[in-house]
């Protein structure tokens, strides 16, 4: 079990810079994940 989770934290929703304030505005997700490793298939996969 880990925090943040595999969806983020942060994901593809991009941050933007505000030069007037010198700050980065960041979209975040407050979720965690339980990750269980699996056997990989012969052709390859995410396997979890």
ModelCIF file with pLDDT and N, C-alpha, C, O atoms, coordinates in Angstrom:
data_MODEL
#
_entry.id   MODEL 
#
_entity.id                         1 
_entity.type                       polymer 
_entity.pdbx_number_of_molecules   1 
#
_entity_poly.entity_id                      1 
_entity_poly.type                           'polypeptide(L)' 
_entity_poly.nstd_linkage                   no 
_entity_poly.nstd_monomer                   no 
_entity_poly.pdbx_seq_one_letter_code       
;(UNK)(UNK)(UNK)(UNK)(UNK)(UNK)(UNK)(UNK)(UNK)(UNK)(UNK)(UNK)(UNK)(UNK)(UNK)(UNK)
(UNK)(UNK)(UNK)(UNK)(UNK)(UNK)(UNK)(UNK)(UNK)(UNK)(UNK)(UNK)(UNK)(UNK)(UNK)(UNK)
(UNK)(UNK)(UNK)(UNK)(UNK)(UNK)(UNK)(UNK)(UNK)(UNK)(UNK)(UNK)(UNK)(UNK)(UNK)(UNK)
;
_entity_poly.pdbx_seq_one_letter_code_can   XXXXXXXXXXXXXXXXXXXXXXXXXXXXXXXXXXXXXXXXXXXXXXXX 
_entity_poly.pdbx_strand_id                 A 
#
loop_
_entity_poly_seq.entity_id 
_entity_poly_seq.num 
_entity_poly_seq.mon_id 
_entity_poly_seq.hetero 
1 1  UNK n 
1 2  UNK n 
1 3  UNK n 
1 4  UNK n 
1 5  UNK n 
1 6  UNK n 
1 7  UNK n 
1 8  UNK n 
1 9  UNK n 
1 10 UNK n 
1 11 UNK n 
1 12 UNK n 
1 13 UNK n 
1 14 UNK n 
1 15 UNK n 
1 16 UNK n 
1 17 UNK n 
1 18 UNK n 
1 19 UNK n 
1 20 UNK n 
1 21 UNK n 
1 22 UNK n 
1 23 UNK n 
1 24 UNK n 
1 25 UNK n 
1 26 UNK n 
1 27 UNK n 
1 28 UNK n 
1 29 UNK n 
1 30 UNK n 
1 31 UNK n 
1 32 UNK n 
1 33 UNK n 
1 34 UNK n 
1 35 UNK n 
1 36 UNK n 
1 37 UNK n 
1 38 UNK n 
1 39 UNK n 
1 40 UNK n 
1 41 UNK n 
1 42 UNK n 
1 43 UNK n 
1 44 UNK n 
1 45 UNK n 
1 46 UNK n 
1 47 UNK n 
1 48 UNK n 
#
_struct_asym.id          A 
_struct_asym.entity_id   1 
#
loop_
_ma_qa_metric.id 
_ma_qa_metric.mode 
_ma_qa_metric.name 
_ma_qa_metric.software_group_id 
_ma_qa_metric.type 
1 global pLDDT . pLDDT 
2 local  pLDDT . pLDDT 
#
_ma_qa_metric_global.metric_id      1 
_ma_qa_metric_global.metric_value   93.02 
_ma_qa_metric_global.model_id       1 
_ma_qa_metric_global.ordinal_id     1 
#
loop_
_ma_qa_metric_local.label_asym_id 
_ma_qa_metric_local.label_comp_id 
_ma_qa_metric_local.label_seq_id 
_ma_qa_metric_local.metric_id 
_ma_qa_metric_local.metric_value 
_ma_qa_metric_local.model_id 
_ma_qa_metric_local.ordinal_id 
A UNK 1  2 96.00 1 1  
A UNK 2  2 97.00 1 2  
A UNK 3  2 97.00 1 3  
A UNK 4  2 97.00 1 4  
A UNK 5  2 95.00 1 5  
A UNK 6  2 93.00 1 6  
A UNK 7  2 92.00 1 7  
A UNK 8  2 90.00 1 8  
A UNK 9  2 96.00 1 9  
A UNK 10 2 97.00 1 10 
A UNK 11 2 96.00 1 11 
A UNK 12 2 96.00 1 12 
A UNK 13 2 97.00 1 13 
A UNK 14 2 98.00 1 14 
A UNK 15 2 98.00 1 15 
A UNK 16 2 98.00 1 16 
A UNK 17 2 98.00 1 17 
A UNK 18 2 98.00 1 18 
A UNK 19 2 98.00 1 19 
A UNK 20 2 97.00 1 20 
A UNK 21 2 98.00 1 21 
A UNK 22 2 98.00 1 22 
A UNK 23 2 98.00 1 23 
A UNK 24 2 98.00 1 24 
A UNK 25 2 98.00 1 25 
A UNK 26 2 98.00 1 26 
A UNK 27 2 98.00 1 27 
A UNK 28 2 98.00 1 28 
A UNK 29 2 97.00 1 29 
A UNK 30 2 98.00 1 30 
A UNK 31 2 97.00 1 31 
A UNK 32 2 97.00 1 32 
A UNK 33 2 95.00 1 33 
A UNK 34 2 95.00 1 34 
A UNK 35 2 94.00 1 35 
A UNK 36 2 93.00 1 36 
A UNK 37 2 91.00 1 37 
A UNK 38 2 88.00 1 38 
A UNK 39 2 88.00 1 39 
A UNK 40 2 85.00 1 40 
A UNK 41 2 77.00 1 41 
A UNK 42 2 72.00 1 42 
A UNK 43 2 76.00 1 43 
A UNK 44 2 78.00 1 44 
A UNK 45 2 80.00 1 45 
A UNK 46 2 84.00 1 46 
A UNK 47 2 86.00 1 47 
A UNK 48 2 86.00 1 48 
#
loop_
_atom_site.group_PDB 
_atom_site.id 
_atom_site.type_symbol 
_atom_site.label_atom_id 
_atom_site.label_alt_id 
_atom_site.label_comp_id 
_atom_site.label_asym_id 
_atom_site.label_entity_id 
_atom_site.label_seq_id 
_atom_site.pdbx_PDB_ins_code 
_atom_site.Cartn_x 
_atom_site.Cartn_y 
_atom_site.Cartn_z 
_atom_site.occupancy 
_atom_site.B_iso_or_equiv 
_atom_site.pdbx_formal_charge 
_atom_site.auth_seq_id 
_atom_site.auth_comp_id 
_atom_site.auth_asym_id 
_atom_site.auth_atom_id 
_atom_site.pdbx_PDB_model_num 
ATOM 1   N N  . UNK A 1 1  ? 0.847  -1.191  0.000   1.00 96.00 ? 1  UNK A N  1 
ATOM 2   C CA . UNK A 1 1  ? 0.000  0.000   0.000   1.00 96.00 ? 1  UNK A CA 1 
ATOM 3   C C  . UNK A 1 1  ? 0.881  1.238   0.000   1.00 96.00 ? 1  UNK A C  1 
ATOM 4   O O  . UNK A 1 1  ? 1.803  1.358   0.807   1.00 96.00 ? 1  UNK A O  1 
ATOM 5   N N  . UNK A 1 2  ? 0.588  2.168   -0.921  1.00 97.00 ? 2  UNK A N  1 
ATOM 6   C CA . UNK A 1 2  ? 1.417  3.362   -1.052  1.00 97.00 ? 2  UNK A CA 1 
ATOM 7   C C  . UNK A 1 2  ? 0.544  4.587   -1.275  1.00 97.00 ? 2  UNK A C  1 
ATOM 8   O O  . UNK A 1 2  ? -0.539 4.507   -1.856  1.00 97.00 ? 2  UNK A O  1 
ATOM 9   N N  . UNK A 1 3  ? 1.047  5.730   -0.795  1.00 97.00 ? 3  UNK A N  1 
ATOM 10  C CA . UNK A 1 3  ? 0.431  7.032   -1.028  1.00 97.00 ? 3  UNK A CA 1 
ATOM 11  C C  . UNK A 1 3  ? 1.506  8.000   -1.531  1.00 97.00 ? 3  UNK A C  1 
ATOM 12  O O  . UNK A 1 3  ? 2.599  8.065   -0.968  1.00 97.00 ? 3  UNK A O  1 
ATOM 13  N N  . UNK A 1 4  ? 1.191  8.756   -2.600  1.00 97.00 ? 4  UNK A N  1 
ATOM 14  C CA . UNK A 1 4  ? 0.001  8.704   -3.445  1.00 97.00 ? 4  UNK A CA 1 
ATOM 15  C C  . UNK A 1 4  ? -0.075 7.396   -4.231  1.00 97.00 ? 4  UNK A C  1 
ATOM 16  O O  . UNK A 1 4  ? 0.840  6.573   -4.188  1.00 97.00 ? 4  UNK A O  1 
ATOM 17  N N  . UNK A 1 5  ? -1.192 7.220   -4.953  1.00 95.00 ? 5  UNK A N  1 
ATOM 18  C CA . UNK A 1 5  ? -1.396 5.998   -5.701  1.00 95.00 ? 5  UNK A CA 1 
ATOM 19  C C  . UNK A 1 5  ? -0.969 6.100   -7.146  1.00 95.00 ? 5  UNK A C  1 
ATOM 20  O O  . UNK A 1 5  ? -0.396 7.101   -7.575  1.00 95.00 ? 5  UNK A O  1 
ATOM 21  N N  . UNK A 1 6  ? -1.263 5.028   -7.901  1.00 93.00 ? 6  UNK A N  1 
ATOM 22  C CA . UNK A 1 6  ? -0.819 4.931   -9.284  1.00 93.00 ? 6  UNK A CA 1 
ATOM 23  C C  . UNK A 1 6  ? -1.508 5.936   -10.197 1.00 93.00 ? 6  UNK A C  1 
ATOM 24  O O  . UNK A 1 6  ? -0.998 6.231   -11.278 1.00 93.00 ? 6  UNK A O  1 
ATOM 25  N N  . UNK A 1 7  ? -2.660 6.470   -9.783  1.00 92.00 ? 7  UNK A N  1 
ATOM 26  C CA . UNK A 1 7  ? -3.317 7.518   -10.570 1.00 92.00 ? 7  UNK A CA 1 
ATOM 27  C C  . UNK A 1 7  ? -2.738 8.897   -10.261 1.00 92.00 ? 7  UNK A C  1 
ATOM 28  O O  . UNK A 1 7  ? -3.106 9.881   -10.902 1.00 92.00 ? 7  UNK A O  1 
ATOM 29  N N  . UNK A 1 8  ? -1.847 8.973   -9.293  1.00 90.00 ? 8  UNK A N  1 
ATOM 30  C CA . UNK A 1 8  ? -1.334 10.231  -8.801  1.00 90.00 ? 8  UNK A CA 1 
ATOM 31  C C  . UNK A 1 8  ? -2.030 10.520  -7.468  1.00 90.00 ? 8  UNK A C  1 
ATOM 32  O O  . UNK A 1 8  ? -3.070 9.925   -7.188  1.00 90.00 ? 8  UNK A O  1 
ATOM 33  N N  . UNK A 1 9  ? -1.487 11.414  -6.640  1.00 96.00 ? 9  UNK A N  1 
ATOM 34  C CA . UNK A 1 9  ? -0.448 12.385  -6.965  1.00 96.00 ? 9  UNK A CA 1 
ATOM 35  C C  . UNK A 1 9  ? -0.828 13.295  -8.136  1.00 96.00 ? 9  UNK A C  1 
ATOM 36  O O  . UNK A 1 9  ? -1.860 13.965  -8.152  1.00 96.00 ? 9  UNK A O  1 
ATOM 37  N N  . UNK A 1 10 ? 0.039  13.270  -9.066  1.00 97.00 ? 10 UNK A N  1 
ATOM 38  C CA . UNK A 1 10 ? -0.082 14.076  -10.268 1.00 97.00 ? 10 UNK A CA 1 
ATOM 39  C C  . UNK A 1 10 ? -0.141 13.124  -11.451 1.00 97.00 ? 10 UNK A C  1 
ATOM 40  O O  . UNK A 1 10 ? 0.456  12.048  -11.429 1.00 97.00 ? 10 UNK A O  1 
ATOM 41  N N  . UNK A 1 11 ? -0.877 13.538  -12.497 1.00 96.00 ? 11 UNK A N  1 
ATOM 42  C CA . UNK A 1 11 ? -0.978 12.690  -13.675 1.00 96.00 ? 11 UNK A CA 1 
ATOM 43  C C  . UNK A 1 11 ? -0.828 13.565  -14.910 1.00 96.00 ? 11 UNK A C  1 
ATOM 44  O O  . UNK A 1 11 ? -0.110 14.564  -14.884 1.00 96.00 ? 11 UNK A O  1 
ATOM 45  N N  . UNK A 1 12 ? -1.510 13.189  -15.998 1.00 96.00 ? 12 UNK A N  1 
ATOM 46  C CA . UNK A 1 12 ? -1.336 13.882  -17.278 1.00 96.00 ? 12 UNK A CA 1 
ATOM 47  C C  . UNK A 1 12 ? -1.908 15.300  -17.279 1.00 96.00 ? 12 UNK A C  1 
ATOM 48  O O  . UNK A 1 12 ? -1.637 16.065  -18.204 1.00 96.00 ? 12 UNK A O  1 
ATOM 49  N N  . UNK A 1 13 ? -2.702 15.670  -16.252 1.00 97.00 ? 13 UNK A N  1 
ATOM 50  C CA . UNK A 1 13 ? -3.274 17.011  -16.177 1.00 97.00 ? 13 UNK A CA 1 
ATOM 51  C C  . UNK A 1 13 ? -2.147 18.002  -15.852 1.00 97.00 ? 13 UNK A C  1 
ATOM 52  O O  . UNK A 1 13 ? -1.697 18.088  -14.710 1.00 97.00 ? 13 UNK A O  1 
ATOM 53  N N  . UNK A 1 14 ? -1.702 18.742  -16.864 1.00 98.00 ? 14 UNK A N  1 
ATOM 54  C CA . UNK A 1 14 ? -0.462 19.506  -16.765 1.00 98.00 ? 14 UNK A CA 1 
ATOM 55  C C  . UNK A 1 14 ? -0.581 20.731  -15.866 1.00 98.00 ? 14 UNK A C  1 
ATOM 56  O O  . UNK A 1 14 ? -1.631 21.368  -15.791 1.00 98.00 ? 14 UNK A O  1 
ATOM 57  N N  . UNK A 1 15 ? 0.515  21.044  -15.189 1.00 98.00 ? 15 UNK A N  1 
ATOM 58  C CA . UNK A 1 15 ? 0.652  22.271  -14.409 1.00 98.00 ? 15 UNK A CA 1 
ATOM 59  C C  . UNK A 1 15 ? 0.862  23.451  -15.355 1.00 98.00 ? 15 UNK A C  1 
ATOM 60  O O  . UNK A 1 15 ? 1.152  23.263  -16.537 1.00 98.00 ? 15 UNK A O  1 
ATOM 61  N N  . UNK A 1 16 ? 0.716  24.652  -14.835 1.00 98.00 ? 16 UNK A N  1 
ATOM 62  C CA . UNK A 1 16 ? 0.996  25.860  -15.605 1.00 98.00 ? 16 UNK A CA 1 
ATOM 63  C C  . UNK A 1 16 ? 1.735  26.855  -14.720 1.00 98.00 ? 16 UNK A C  1 
ATOM 64  O O  . UNK A 1 16 ? 1.551  26.881  -13.503 1.00 98.00 ? 16 UNK A O  1 
ATOM 65  N N  . UNK A 1 17 ? 2.577  27.676  -15.352 1.00 98.00 ? 17 UNK A N  1 
ATOM 66  C CA . UNK A 1 17 ? 3.394  28.652  -14.638 1.00 98.00 ? 17 UNK A CA 1 
ATOM 67  C C  . UNK A 1 17 ? 2.734  30.024  -14.701 1.00 98.00 ? 17 UNK A C  1 
ATOM 68  O O  . UNK A 1 17 ? 2.210  30.426  -15.741 1.00 98.00 ? 17 UNK A O  1 
ATOM 69  N N  . UNK A 1 18 ? 2.765  30.726  -13.597 1.00 98.00 ? 18 UNK A N  1 
ATOM 70  C CA . UNK A 1 18 ? 2.264  32.097  -13.525 1.00 98.00 ? 18 UNK A CA 1 
ATOM 71  C C  . UNK A 1 18 ? 3.456  33.025  -13.322 1.00 98.00 ? 18 UNK A C  1 
ATOM 72  O O  . UNK A 1 18 ? 3.940  33.153  -12.197 1.00 98.00 ? 18 UNK A O  1 
ATOM 73  N N  . UNK A 1 19 ? 3.947  33.680  -14.385 1.00 98.00 ? 19 UNK A N  1 
ATOM 74  C CA . UNK A 1 19 ? 5.125  34.541  -14.225 1.00 98.00 ? 19 UNK A CA 1 
ATOM 75  C C  . UNK A 1 19 ? 4.865  35.743  -13.334 1.00 98.00 ? 19 UNK A C  1 
ATOM 76  O O  . UNK A 1 19 ? 5.800  36.265  -12.727 1.00 98.00 ? 19 UNK A O  1 
ATOM 77  N N  . UNK A 1 20 ? 3.611  36.199  -13.238 1.00 97.00 ? 20 UNK A N  1 
ATOM 78  C CA . UNK A 1 20 ? 3.301  37.329  -12.364 1.00 97.00 ? 20 UNK A CA 1 
ATOM 79  C C  . UNK A 1 20 ? 3.540  36.991  -10.893 1.00 97.00 ? 20 UNK A C  1 
ATOM 80  O O  . UNK A 1 20 ? 3.868  37.873  -10.101 1.00 97.00 ? 20 UNK A O  1 
ATOM 81  N N  . UNK A 1 21 ? 3.379  35.735  -10.529 1.00 98.00 ? 21 UNK A N  1 
ATOM 82  C CA . UNK A 1 21 ? 3.552  35.332  -9.129  1.00 98.00 ? 21 UNK A CA 1 
ATOM 83  C C  . UNK A 1 21 ? 4.794  34.473  -8.908  1.00 98.00 ? 21 UNK A C  1 
ATOM 84  O O  . UNK A 1 21 ? 5.182  34.227  -7.766  1.00 98.00 ? 21 UNK A O  1 
ATOM 85  N N  . UNK A 1 22 ? 5.421  34.015  -9.994  1.00 98.00 ? 22 UNK A N  1 
ATOM 86  C CA . UNK A 1 22 ? 6.578  33.127  -9.852  1.00 98.00 ? 22 UNK A CA 1 
ATOM 87  C C  . UNK A 1 22 ? 6.200  31.770  -9.305  1.00 98.00 ? 22 UNK A C  1 
ATOM 88  O O  . UNK A 1 22 ? 7.019  31.095  -8.681  1.00 98.00 ? 22 UNK A O  1 
ATOM 89  N N  . UNK A 1 23 ? 4.946  31.361  -9.538  1.00 98.00 ? 23 UNK A N  1 
ATOM 90  C CA . UNK A 1 23 ? 4.460  30.115  -8.959  1.00 98.00 ? 23 UNK A CA 1 
ATOM 91  C C  . UNK A 1 23 ? 3.967  29.153  -10.033 1.00 98.00 ? 23 UNK A C  1 
ATOM 92  O O  . UNK A 1 23 ? 3.542  29.563  -11.113 1.00 98.00 ? 23 UNK A O  1 
ATOM 93  N N  . UNK A 1 24 ? 4.034  27.881  -9.714  1.00 98.00 ? 24 UNK A N  1 
ATOM 94  C CA . UNK A 1 24 ? 3.503  26.814  -10.547 1.00 98.00 ? 24 UNK A CA 1 
ATOM 95  C C  . UNK A 1 24 ? 2.155  26.392  -9.959  1.00 98.00 ? 24 UNK A C  1 
ATOM 96  O O  . UNK A 1 24 ? 2.057  26.103  -8.766  1.00 98.00 ? 24 UNK A O  1 
ATOM 97  N N  . UNK A 1 25 ? 1.117  26.357  -10.802 1.00 98.00 ? 25 UNK A N  1 
ATOM 98  C CA . UNK A 1 25 ? -0.212 25.936  -10.344 1.00 98.00 ? 25 UNK A CA 1 
ATOM 99  C C  . UNK A 1 25 ? -0.375 24.478  -10.764 1.00 98.00 ? 25 UNK A C  1 
ATOM 100 O O  . UNK A 1 25 ? -0.360 24.164  -11.954 1.00 98.00 ? 25 UNK A O  1 
ATOM 101 N N  . UNK A 1 26 ? -0.533 23.583  -9.777  1.00 98.00 ? 26 UNK A N  1 
ATOM 102 C CA . UNK A 1 26 ? -0.426 22.138  -10.014 1.00 98.00 ? 26 UNK A CA 1 
ATOM 103 C C  . UNK A 1 26 ? -1.731 21.437  -9.657  1.00 98.00 ? 26 UNK A C  1 
ATOM 104 O O  . UNK A 1 26 ? -2.190 21.564  -8.521  1.00 98.00 ? 26 UNK A O  1 
ATOM 105 N N  . UNK A 1 27 ? -2.347 20.703  -10.583 1.00 98.00 ? 27 UNK A N  1 
ATOM 106 C CA . UNK A 1 27 ? -3.494 19.855  -10.232 1.00 98.00 ? 27 UNK A CA 1 
ATOM 107 C C  . UNK A 1 27 ? -3.008 18.530  -9.647  1.00 98.00 ? 27 UNK A C  1 
ATOM 108 O O  . UNK A 1 27 ? -2.124 17.883  -10.210 1.00 98.00 ? 27 UNK A O  1 
ATOM 109 N N  . UNK A 1 28 ? -3.588 18.133  -8.521  1.00 98.00 ? 28 UNK A N  1 
ATOM 110 C CA . UNK A 1 28 ? -3.169 16.934  -7.802  1.00 98.00 ? 28 UNK A CA 1 
ATOM 111 C C  . UNK A 1 28 ? -4.378 16.057  -7.492  1.00 98.00 ? 28 UNK A C  1 
ATOM 112 O O  . UNK A 1 28 ? -5.517 16.524  -7.504  1.00 98.00 ? 28 UNK A O  1 
ATOM 113 N N  . UNK A 1 29 ? -4.117 14.777  -7.214  1.00 97.00 ? 29 UNK A N  1 
ATOM 114 C CA . UNK A 1 29 ? -5.164 13.814  -6.874  1.00 97.00 ? 29 UNK A CA 1 
ATOM 115 C C  . UNK A 1 29 ? -4.814 13.191  -5.529  1.00 97.00 ? 29 UNK A C  1 
ATOM 116 O O  . UNK A 1 29 ? -3.694 12.716  -5.341  1.00 97.00 ? 29 UNK A O  1 
ATOM 117 N N  . UNK A 1 30 ? -5.760 13.186  -4.592  1.00 98.00 ? 30 UNK A N  1 
ATOM 118 C CA . UNK A 1 30 ? -5.496 12.667  -3.249  1.00 98.00 ? 30 UNK A CA 1 
ATOM 119 C C  . UNK A 1 30 ? -6.043 11.250  -3.110  1.00 98.00 ? 30 UNK A C  1 
ATOM 120 O O  . UNK A 1 30 ? -7.076 11.017  -2.482  1.00 98.00 ? 30 UNK A O  1 
ATOM 121 N N  . UNK A 1 31 ? -5.312 10.307  -3.719  1.00 97.00 ? 31 UNK A N  1 
ATOM 122 C CA . UNK A 1 31 ? -5.655 8.893   -3.671  1.00 97.00 ? 31 UNK A CA 1 
ATOM 123 C C  . UNK A 1 31 ? -4.407 8.063   -3.412  1.00 97.00 ? 31 UNK A C  1 
ATOM 124 O O  . UNK A 1 31 ? -3.286 8.500   -3.675  1.00 97.00 ? 31 UNK A O  1 
ATOM 125 N N  . UNK A 1 32 ? -4.618 6.863   -2.893  1.00 97.00 ? 32 UNK A N  1 
ATOM 126 C CA . UNK A 1 32 ? -3.539 5.913   -2.646  1.00 97.00 ? 32 UNK A CA 1 
ATOM 127 C C  . UNK A 1 32 ? -3.832 4.614   -3.403  1.00 97.00 ? 32 UNK A C  1 
ATOM 128 O O  . UNK A 1 32 ? -4.898 4.464   -4.000  1.00 97.00 ? 32 UNK A O  1 
ATOM 129 N N  . UNK A 1 33 ? -2.879 3.678   -3.374  1.00 95.00 ? 33 UNK A N  1 
ATOM 130 C CA . UNK A 1 33 ? -3.045 2.423   -4.115  1.00 95.00 ? 33 UNK A CA 1 
ATOM 131 C C  . UNK A 1 33 ? -2.531 1.233   -3.326  1.00 95.00 ? 33 UNK A C  1 
ATOM 132 O O  . UNK A 1 33 ? -1.628 1.340   -2.496  1.00 95.00 ? 33 UNK A O  1 
ATOM 133 N N  . UNK A 1 34 ? -3.147 0.092   -3.622  1.00 95.00 ? 34 UNK A N  1 
ATOM 134 C CA . UNK A 1 34 ? -2.623 -1.202  -3.195  1.00 95.00 ? 34 UNK A CA 1 
ATOM 135 C C  . UNK A 1 34 ? -2.110 -1.889  -4.451  1.00 95.00 ? 34 UNK A C  1 
ATOM 136 O O  . UNK A 1 34 ? -2.879 -2.154  -5.376  1.00 95.00 ? 34 UNK A O  1 
ATOM 137 N N  . UNK A 1 35 ? -0.812 -2.179  -4.488  1.00 94.00 ? 35 UNK A N  1 
ATOM 138 C CA . UNK A 1 35 ? -0.168 -2.746  -5.668  1.00 94.00 ? 35 UNK A CA 1 
ATOM 139 C C  . UNK A 1 35 ? 0.221  -4.193  -5.375  1.00 94.00 ? 35 UNK A C  1 
ATOM 140 O O  . UNK A 1 35 ? 0.896  -4.477  -4.386  1.00 94.00 ? 35 UNK A O  1 
ATOM 141 N N  . UNK A 1 36 ? -0.216 -5.111  -6.255  1.00 93.00 ? 36 UNK A N  1 
ATOM 142 C CA . UNK A 1 36 ? 0.087  -6.530  -6.088  1.00 93.00 ? 36 UNK A CA 1 
ATOM 143 C C  . UNK A 1 36 ? 0.796  -7.018  -7.336  1.00 93.00 ? 36 UNK A C  1 
ATOM 144 O O  . UNK A 1 36 ? 0.223  -6.987  -8.426  1.00 93.00 ? 36 UNK A O  1 
ATOM 145 N N  . UNK A 1 37 ? 2.012  -7.461  -7.196  1.00 91.00 ? 37 UNK A N  1 
ATOM 146 C CA . UNK A 1 37 ? 2.795  -7.946  -8.337  1.00 91.00 ? 37 UNK A CA 1 
ATOM 147 C C  . UNK A 1 37 ? 2.232  -9.256  -8.858  1.00 91.00 ? 37 UNK A C  1 
ATOM 148 O O  . UNK A 1 37 ? 1.772  -10.094 -8.082  1.00 91.00 ? 37 UNK A O  1 
ATOM 149 N N  . UNK A 1 38 ? 2.269  -9.433  -10.178 1.00 88.00 ? 38 UNK A N  1 
ATOM 150 C CA . UNK A 1 38 ? 1.818  -10.666 -10.807 1.00 88.00 ? 38 UNK A CA 1 
ATOM 151 C C  . UNK A 1 38 ? 2.888  -11.246 -11.705 1.00 88.00 ? 38 UNK A C  1 
ATOM 152 O O  . UNK A 1 38 ? 3.922  -10.624 -11.951 1.00 88.00 ? 38 UNK A O  1 
ATOM 153 N N  . UNK A 1 39 ? 2.626  -12.438 -12.189 1.00 88.00 ? 39 UNK A N  1 
ATOM 154 C CA . UNK A 1 39 ? 3.531  -13.070 -13.142 1.00 88.00 ? 39 UNK A CA 1 
ATOM 155 C C  . UNK A 1 39 ? 3.358  -12.398 -14.503 1.00 88.00 ? 39 UNK A C  1 
ATOM 156 O O  . UNK A 1 39 ? 2.239  -12.108 -14.925 1.00 88.00 ? 39 UNK A O  1 
ATOM 157 N N  . UNK A 1 40 ? 4.461  -12.160 -15.173 1.00 85.00 ? 40 UNK A N  1 
ATOM 158 C CA . UNK A 1 40 ? 4.402  -11.508 -16.470 1.00 85.00 ? 40 UNK A CA 1 
ATOM 159 C C  . UNK A 1 40 ? 4.061  -12.521 -17.550 1.00 85.00 ? 40 UNK A C  1 
ATOM 160 O O  . UNK A 1 40 ? 4.520  -13.663 -17.518 1.00 85.00 ? 40 UNK A O  1 
ATOM 161 N N  . UNK A 1 41 ? 3.244  -12.084 -18.513 1.00 77.00 ? 41 UNK A N  1 
ATOM 162 C CA . UNK A 1 41 ? 2.906  -12.957 -19.625 1.00 77.00 ? 41 UNK A CA 1 
ATOM 163 C C  . UNK A 1 41 ? 4.073  -13.041 -20.598 1.00 77.00 ? 41 UNK A C  1 
ATOM 164 O O  . UNK A 1 41 ? 4.965  -12.193 -20.593 1.00 77.00 ? 41 UNK A O  1 
ATOM 165 N N  . UNK A 1 42 ? 4.054  -14.061 -21.421 1.00 72.00 ? 42 UNK A N  1 
ATOM 166 C CA . UNK A 1 42 ? 5.183  -14.337 -22.299 1.00 72.00 ? 42 UNK A CA 1 
ATOM 167 C C  . UNK A 1 42 ? 5.490  -13.162 -23.223 1.00 72.00 ? 42 UNK A C  1 
ATOM 168 O O  . UNK A 1 42 ? 6.657  -12.860 -23.474 1.00 72.00 ? 42 UNK A O  1 
ATOM 169 N N  . UNK A 1 43 ? 4.444  -12.492 -23.736 1.00 76.00 ? 43 UNK A N  1 
ATOM 170 C CA . UNK A 1 43 ? 4.664  -11.396 -24.665 1.00 76.00 ? 43 UNK A CA 1 
ATOM 171 C C  . UNK A 1 43 ? 4.914  -10.068 -23.956 1.00 76.00 ? 43 UNK A C  1 
ATOM 172 O O  . UNK A 1 43 ? 5.165  -9.055  -24.608 1.00 76.00 ? 43 UNK A O  1 
ATOM 173 N N  . UNK A 1 44 ? 4.848  -10.067 -22.621 1.00 78.00 ? 44 UNK A N  1 
ATOM 174 C CA . UNK A 1 44 ? 5.033  -8.840  -21.868 1.00 78.00 ? 44 UNK A CA 1 
ATOM 175 C C  . UNK A 1 44 ? 3.701  -8.212  -21.515 1.00 78.00 ? 44 UNK A C  1 
ATOM 176 O O  . UNK A 1 44 ? 2.733  -8.357  -22.261 1.00 78.00 ? 44 UNK A O  1 
ATOM 177 N N  . UNK A 1 45 ? 3.635  -7.517  -20.394 1.00 80.00 ? 45 UNK A N  1 
ATOM 178 C CA . UNK A 1 45 ? 2.401  -6.882  -19.948 1.00 80.00 ? 45 UNK A CA 1 
ATOM 179 C C  . UNK A 1 45 ? 2.727  -5.993  -18.753 1.00 80.00 ? 45 UNK A C  1 
ATOM 180 O O  . UNK A 1 45 ? 3.887  -5.853  -18.368 1.00 80.00 ? 45 UNK A O  1 
ATOM 181 N N  . UNK A 1 46 ? 1.681  -5.390  -18.168 1.00 84.00 ? 46 UNK A N  1 
ATOM 182 C CA . UNK A 1 46 ? 1.876  -4.590  -16.961 1.00 84.00 ? 46 UNK A CA 1 
ATOM 183 C C  . UNK A 1 46 ? 2.052  -5.485  -15.739 1.00 84.00 ? 46 UNK A C  1 
ATOM 184 O O  . UNK A 1 46 ? 2.783  -5.146  -14.809 1.00 84.00 ? 46 UNK A O  1 
ATOM 185 N N  . UNK A 1 47 ? 1.366  -6.645  -15.752 1.00 86.00 ? 47 UNK A N  1 
ATOM 186 C CA . UNK A 1 47 ? 1.593  -7.711  -14.771 1.00 86.00 ? 47 UNK A CA 1 
ATOM 187 C C  . UNK A 1 47 ? 1.448  -7.277  -13.322 1.00 86.00 ? 47 UNK A C  1 
ATOM 188 O O  . UNK A 1 47 ? 2.264  -7.647  -12.477 1.00 86.00 ? 47 UNK A O  1 
ATOM 189 N N  . UNK A 1 48 ? 0.431  -6.507  -13.035 1.00 86.00 ? 48 UNK A N  1 
ATOM 190 C CA . UNK A 1 48 ? 0.175  -6.128  -11.643 1.00 86.00 ? 48 UNK A CA 1 
ATOM 191 C C  . UNK A 1 48 ? -1.293 -5.794  -11.499 1.00 86.00 ? 48 UNK A C  1 
ATOM 192 O O  . UNK A 1 48 ? -1.743 -5.446  -10.407 1.00 86.00 ? 48 UNK A O  1 
#
